[in-house]
Amino acid sequence: MQVISGSSYGFRHPDAISSDGTHVWVANYFGDSVTELDAATGGLVKVLSGSGYGFDRPVSVSSDGKDVWVANYAGNTVTGFPA
């Protein structure tokens, strides 16, 4: 069992999680961000945030290994980007 925490992960009300076997994606509702983790180690890869992603209260995330899709509750939008 592993518990992942710490400010470097960008977790602010993590609301959804998805894995494609290589990456783990966490949607952070209040952080307007998505955290990417290494599926094998749980290590931080990066925190995706900023206006370029269009995150606005992300509530769900899904990945097929090629692309990642994030549903944004407040923005009534879906953000897609390469995995």
C-alpha atoms as a PDB file:
ATOM      1  CA  MET A   1       0.000   0.000   0.000  1.00  0.00           C
ATOM      2  CA  GLN A   2       1.205   3.490  -0.804  1.00  0.00           C
ATOM      3  CA  VAL A   3      -0.175   6.868   0.282  1.00  0.00           C
ATOM      4  CA  ILE A   4       0.952   9.744  -1.903  1.00  0.00           C
ATOM      5  CA  SER A   5       0.816  13.244  -0.451  1.00  0.00           C
ATOM      6  CA  GLY A   6       2.697  16.494  -0.392  1.00  0.00           C
ATOM      7  CA  SER A   7       2.387  19.938  -1.890  1.00  0.00           C
ATOM      8  CA  SER A   8       4.607  19.077  -4.868  1.00  0.00           C
ATOM      9  CA  TYR A   9       1.857  16.774  -6.205  1.00  0.00           C
ATOM     10  CA  GLY A  10      -0.588  19.660  -6.598  1.00  0.00           C
ATOM     11  CA  PHE A  11      -3.434  17.762  -4.940  1.00  0.00           C
ATOM     12  CA  ARG A  12      -6.315  20.121  -4.118  1.00  0.00           C
ATOM     13  CA  HIS A  13      -9.491  18.104  -3.693  1.00  0.00           C
ATOM     14  CA  PRO A  14      -8.466  15.202  -5.962  1.00  0.00           C
ATOM     15  CA  ASP A  15     -11.747  14.184  -7.529  1.00  0.00           C
ATOM     16  CA  ALA A  16     -10.984  11.544 -10.156  1.00  0.00           C
ATOM     17  CA  ILE A  17      -8.244   9.136 -11.152  1.00  0.00           C
ATOM     18  CA  SER A  18      -7.408   7.129 -14.269  1.00  0.00           C
ATOM     19  CA  SER A  19      -4.533   4.921 -15.357  1.00  0.00           C
ATOM     20  CA  ASP A  20      -3.419   3.611 -18.722  1.00  0.00           C
ATOM     21  CA  GLY A  21      -0.923   1.218 -17.119  1.00  0.00           C
ATOM     22  CA  THR A  22       2.026   3.556 -17.614  1.00  0.00           C
ATOM     23  CA  HIS A  23       0.691   6.798 -16.149  1.00  0.00           C
ATOM     24  CA  VAL A  24      -1.788   7.664 -13.428  1.00  0.00           C
ATOM     25  CA  TRP A  25      -3.789  10.847 -13.945  1.00  0.00           C
ATOM     26  CA  VAL A  26      -5.464  12.685 -11.034  1.00  0.00           C
ATOM     27  CA  ALA A  27      -7.995  15.492 -11.607  1.00  0.00           C
ATOM     28  CA  ASN A  28      -7.718  18.181  -8.903  1.00  0.00           C
ATOM     29  CA  TYR A  29     -11.082  19.935  -8.591  1.00  0.00           C
ATOM     30  CA  PHE A  30     -10.011  22.990  -6.585  1.00  0.00           C
ATOM     31  CA  GLY A  31      -6.529  23.094  -8.074  1.00  0.00           C
ATOM     32  CA  ASP A  32      -7.788  23.394 -11.656  1.00  0.00           C
ATOM     33  CA  SER A  33      -5.013  20.963 -12.520  1.00  0.00           C
ATOM     34  CA  VAL A  34      -4.198  17.367 -13.399  1.00  0.00           C
ATOM     35  CA  THR A  35      -1.354  15.504 -11.712  1.00  0.00           C
ATOM     36  CA  GLU A  36       0.551  12.900 -13.728  1.00  0.00           C
ATOM     37  CA  LEU A  37       2.209  10.069 -11.790  1.00  0.00           C
ATOM     38  CA  ASP A  38       4.400   7.160 -12.835  1.00  0.00           C
ATOM     39  CA  ALA A  39       2.162   4.075 -12.511  1.00  0.00           C
ATOM     40  CA  ALA A  40       5.055   1.787 -11.531  1.00  0.00           C
ATOM     41  CA  THR A  41       6.486   3.949  -8.743  1.00  0.00           C
ATOM     42  CA  GLY A  42       3.859   6.550  -7.845  1.00  0.00           C
ATOM     43  CA  GLY A  43       6.492   9.199  -8.483  1.00  0.00           C
ATOM     44  CA  LEU A  44       5.518  12.637  -9.675  1.00  0.00           C
ATOM     45  CA  VAL A  45       5.945  13.182 -13.419  1.00  0.00           C
ATOM     46  CA  LYS A  46       4.357  16.659 -13.611  1.00  0.00           C
ATOM     47  CA  VAL A  47       1.444  18.832 -12.599  1.00  0.00           C
ATOM     48  CA  LEU A  48      -0.480  20.230 -15.558  1.00  0.00           C
ATOM     49  CA  SER A  49      -2.077  23.603 -14.869  1.00  0.00           C
ATOM     50  CA  GLY A  50      -2.540  27.008 -16.396  1.00  0.00           C
ATOM     51  CA  SER A  51      -4.984  28.681 -18.714  1.00  0.00           C
ATOM     52  CA  GLY A  52      -3.647  26.822 -21.762  1.00  0.00           C
ATOM     53  CA  TYR A  53      -5.244  23.595 -20.529  1.00  0.00           C
ATOM     54  CA  GLY A  54      -8.672  25.127 -19.915  1.00  0.00           C
ATOM     55  CA  PHE A  55      -9.168  23.229 -16.648  1.00  0.00           C
ATOM     56  CA  ASP A  56     -12.153  24.626 -14.742  1.00  0.00           C
ATOM     57  CA  ARG A  57     -13.049  22.389 -11.797  1.00  0.00           C
ATOM     58  CA  PRO A  58     -12.018  19.084 -13.413  1.00  0.00           C
ATOM     59  CA  VAL A  59     -14.240  16.256 -12.152  1.00  0.00           C
ATOM     60  CA  SER A  60     -13.285  13.265 -14.269  1.00  0.00           C
ATOM     61  CA  VAL A  61     -10.300  12.016 -16.240  1.00  0.00           C
ATOM     62  CA  SER A  62      -9.703   9.142 -18.638  1.00  0.00           C
ATOM     63  CA  SER A  63      -6.744   7.939 -20.665  1.00  0.00           C
ATOM     64  CA  ASP A  64      -6.346   5.315 -23.365  1.00  0.00           C
ATOM     65  CA  GLY A  65      -2.540   5.493 -23.368  1.00  0.00           C
ATOM     66  CA  LYS A  66      -2.524   7.829 -26.339  1.00  0.00           C
ATOM     67  CA  ASP A  67      -4.682  10.731 -25.146  1.00  0.00           C
ATOM     68  CA  VAL A  68      -6.030  12.045 -21.848  1.00  0.00           C
ATOM     69  CA  TRP A  69      -9.526  13.518 -21.553  1.00  0.00           C
ATOM     70  CA  VAL A  70     -10.671  15.728 -18.671  1.00  0.00           C
ATOM     71  CA  ALA A  71     -14.264  16.845 -18.029  1.00  0.00           C
ATOM     72  CA  ASN A  72     -14.470  20.363 -16.571  1.00  0.00           C
ATOM     73  CA  TYR A  73     -17.533  20.869 -14.364  1.00  0.00           C
ATOM     74  CA  ALA A  74     -17.567  24.667 -14.104  1.00  0.00           C
ATOM     75  CA  GLY A  75     -16.428  25.315 -17.645  1.00  0.00           C
ATOM     76  CA  ASN A  76     -18.867  22.923 -19.308  1.00  0.00           C
ATOM     77  CA  THR A  77     -15.927  21.780 -21.434  1.00  0.00           C
ATOM     78  CA  VAL A  78     -13.703  18.777 -22.077  1.00  0.00           C
ATOM     79  CA  THR A  79      -9.931  19.165 -22.333  1.00  0.00           C
ATOM     80  CA  GLY A  80      -7.923  16.682 -24.410  1.00  0.00           C
ATOM     81  CA  PHE A  81      -4.146  16.374 -24.659  1.00  0.00           C
ATOM     82  CA  PRO A  82      -1.558  13.721 -25.593  1.00  0.00           C
ATOM     83  CA  ALA A  83      -0.678  11.233 -22.833  1.00  0.00           C
END
